[in-house]
Amino acid sequence: NTRLLLEEAPGQAPTIAHYAIKVAPFDRGALQARLKDIGARVIPSTDEPEVVRFADNNGIVLEVRVAQ
């Protein structure tokens, strides 16, 4: 069930801007605390409680999502 979506951004160099992974259920608070400890920028996702979003040091946004 792996999916890959590529979108063309006219006038921009190819880059990875965002990706997501599905994982087993996890402790959202513990994950967010650890991400902050290592310097990641946690991005609020209050509308999706099963998701934790953060940006790495290159500005790439990652979603960790509970697999259903």
C-alpha atoms as a PDB file:
ATOM      1  CA  ASN A   1       0.000   0.000   0.000  1.00  0.00           C
ATOM      2  CA  THR A   2       2.829   2.412  -0.753  1.00  0.00           C
ATOM      3  CA  ARG A   3       1.892   5.511  -2.704  1.00  0.00           C
ATOM      4  CA  LEU A   4       4.067   8.231  -4.146  1.00  0.00           C
ATOM      5  CA  LEU A   5       2.697  11.529  -5.417  1.00  0.00           C
ATOM      6  CA  LEU A   6       4.836  13.815  -7.535  1.00  0.00           C
ATOM      7  CA  GLU A   7       3.656  17.309  -8.330  1.00  0.00           C
ATOM      8  CA  GLU A   8       5.208  19.690 -10.817  1.00  0.00           C
ATOM      9  CA  ALA A   9       5.876  23.214  -9.562  1.00  0.00           C
ATOM     10  CA  PRO A  10       6.320  25.400 -12.646  1.00  0.00           C
ATOM     11  CA  GLY A  11       9.290  27.725 -12.373  1.00  0.00           C
ATOM     12  CA  GLN A  12      10.800  25.902  -9.389  1.00  0.00           C
ATOM     13  CA  ALA A  13      13.651  23.443  -9.139  1.00  0.00           C
ATOM     14  CA  PRO A  14      12.651  19.867  -8.246  1.00  0.00           C
ATOM     15  CA  THR A  15      12.574  19.356  -4.486  1.00  0.00           C
ATOM     16  CA  ILE A  16      10.909  17.336  -1.753  1.00  0.00           C
ATOM     17  CA  ALA A  17       8.602  19.594   0.235  1.00  0.00           C
ATOM     18  CA  HIS A  18       6.482  17.141   2.207  1.00  0.00           C
ATOM     19  CA  TYR A  19       6.091  13.439   2.899  1.00  0.00           C
ATOM     20  CA  ALA A  20       4.131  11.236   5.268  1.00  0.00           C
ATOM     21  CA  ILE A  21       4.553   7.845   6.878  1.00  0.00           C
ATOM     22  CA  LYS A  22       1.943   5.652   8.510  1.00  0.00           C
ATOM     23  CA  VAL A  23       2.923   3.971  11.762  1.00  0.00           C
ATOM     24  CA  ALA A  24       1.426   1.894  14.564  1.00  0.00           C
ATOM     25  CA  PRO A  25      -0.380   3.854  17.308  1.00  0.00           C
ATOM     26  CA  PHE A  26       2.013   6.052  19.304  1.00  0.00           C
ATOM     27  CA  ASP A  27       2.127   8.510  22.203  1.00  0.00           C
ATOM     28  CA  ARG A  28       1.606  11.850  20.457  1.00  0.00           C
ATOM     29  CA  GLY A  29       2.807  13.942  23.412  1.00  0.00           C
ATOM     30  CA  ALA A  30       5.986  11.902  23.839  1.00  0.00           C
ATOM     31  CA  LEU A  31       6.789  12.146  20.126  1.00  0.00           C
ATOM     32  CA  GLN A  32       6.244  15.910  20.056  1.00  0.00           C
ATOM     33  CA  ALA A  33       8.416  16.373  23.169  1.00  0.00           C
ATOM     34  CA  ARG A  34      11.240  14.316  21.659  1.00  0.00           C
ATOM     35  CA  LEU A  35      11.040  16.210  18.370  1.00  0.00           C
ATOM     36  CA  LYS A  36      11.341  19.507  20.242  1.00  0.00           C
ATOM     37  CA  ASP A  37      14.294  18.088  22.222  1.00  0.00           C
ATOM     38  CA  ILE A  38      16.205  17.420  19.003  1.00  0.00           C
ATOM     39  CA  GLY A  39      15.370  20.831  17.526  1.00  0.00           C
ATOM     40  CA  ALA A  40      12.625  19.943  15.063  1.00  0.00           C
ATOM     41  CA  ARG A  41       9.908  22.523  14.485  1.00  0.00           C
ATOM     42  CA  VAL A  42       6.595  20.864  15.412  1.00  0.00           C
ATOM     43  CA  ILE A  43       3.716  22.125  13.265  1.00  0.00           C
ATOM     44  CA  PRO A  44       0.269  22.187  14.909  1.00  0.00           C
ATOM     45  CA  SER A  45      -2.214  19.704  13.447  1.00  0.00           C
ATOM     46  CA  THR A  46      -5.168  20.199  15.781  1.00  0.00           C
ATOM     47  CA  ASP A  47      -7.631  19.299  13.015  1.00  0.00           C
ATOM     48  CA  GLU A  48      -6.046  15.843  12.617  1.00  0.00           C
ATOM     49  CA  PRO A  49      -5.413  14.246  16.034  1.00  0.00           C
ATOM     50  CA  GLU A  50      -3.876  11.121  14.454  1.00  0.00           C
ATOM     51  CA  VAL A  51      -1.086  13.185  12.835  1.00  0.00           C
ATOM     52  CA  VAL A  52       2.112  14.786  14.102  1.00  0.00           C
ATOM     53  CA  ARG A  53       3.724  17.191  11.625  1.00  0.00           C
ATOM     54  CA  PHE A  54       7.187  18.648  11.901  1.00  0.00           C
ATOM     55  CA  ALA A  55       9.816  20.300   9.735  1.00  0.00           C
ATOM     56  CA  ASP A  56      13.376  19.044   9.586  1.00  0.00           C
ATOM     57  CA  ASN A  57      16.449  21.265   9.418  1.00  0.00           C
ATOM     58  CA  ASN A  58      16.063  21.510   5.609  1.00  0.00           C
ATOM     59  CA  GLY A  59      12.475  22.731   5.889  1.00  0.00           C
ATOM     60  CA  ILE A  60      10.988  19.459   4.622  1.00  0.00           C
ATOM     61  CA  VAL A  61       7.667  18.748   6.318  1.00  0.00           C
ATOM     62  CA  LEU A  62       7.072  15.214   7.577  1.00  0.00           C
ATOM     63  CA  GLU A  63       3.768  13.762   8.775  1.00  0.00           C
ATOM     64  CA  VAL A  64       3.711  10.811  11.136  1.00  0.00           C
ATOM     65  CA  ARG A  65       0.215   9.355  10.851  1.00  0.00           C
ATOM     66  CA  VAL A  66      -1.431   6.483  12.709  1.00  0.00           C
ATOM     67  CA  ALA A  67      -2.211   3.661  10.275  1.00  0.00           C
ATOM     68  CA  GLN A  68      -5.860   2.682  10.327  1.00  0.00           C
END
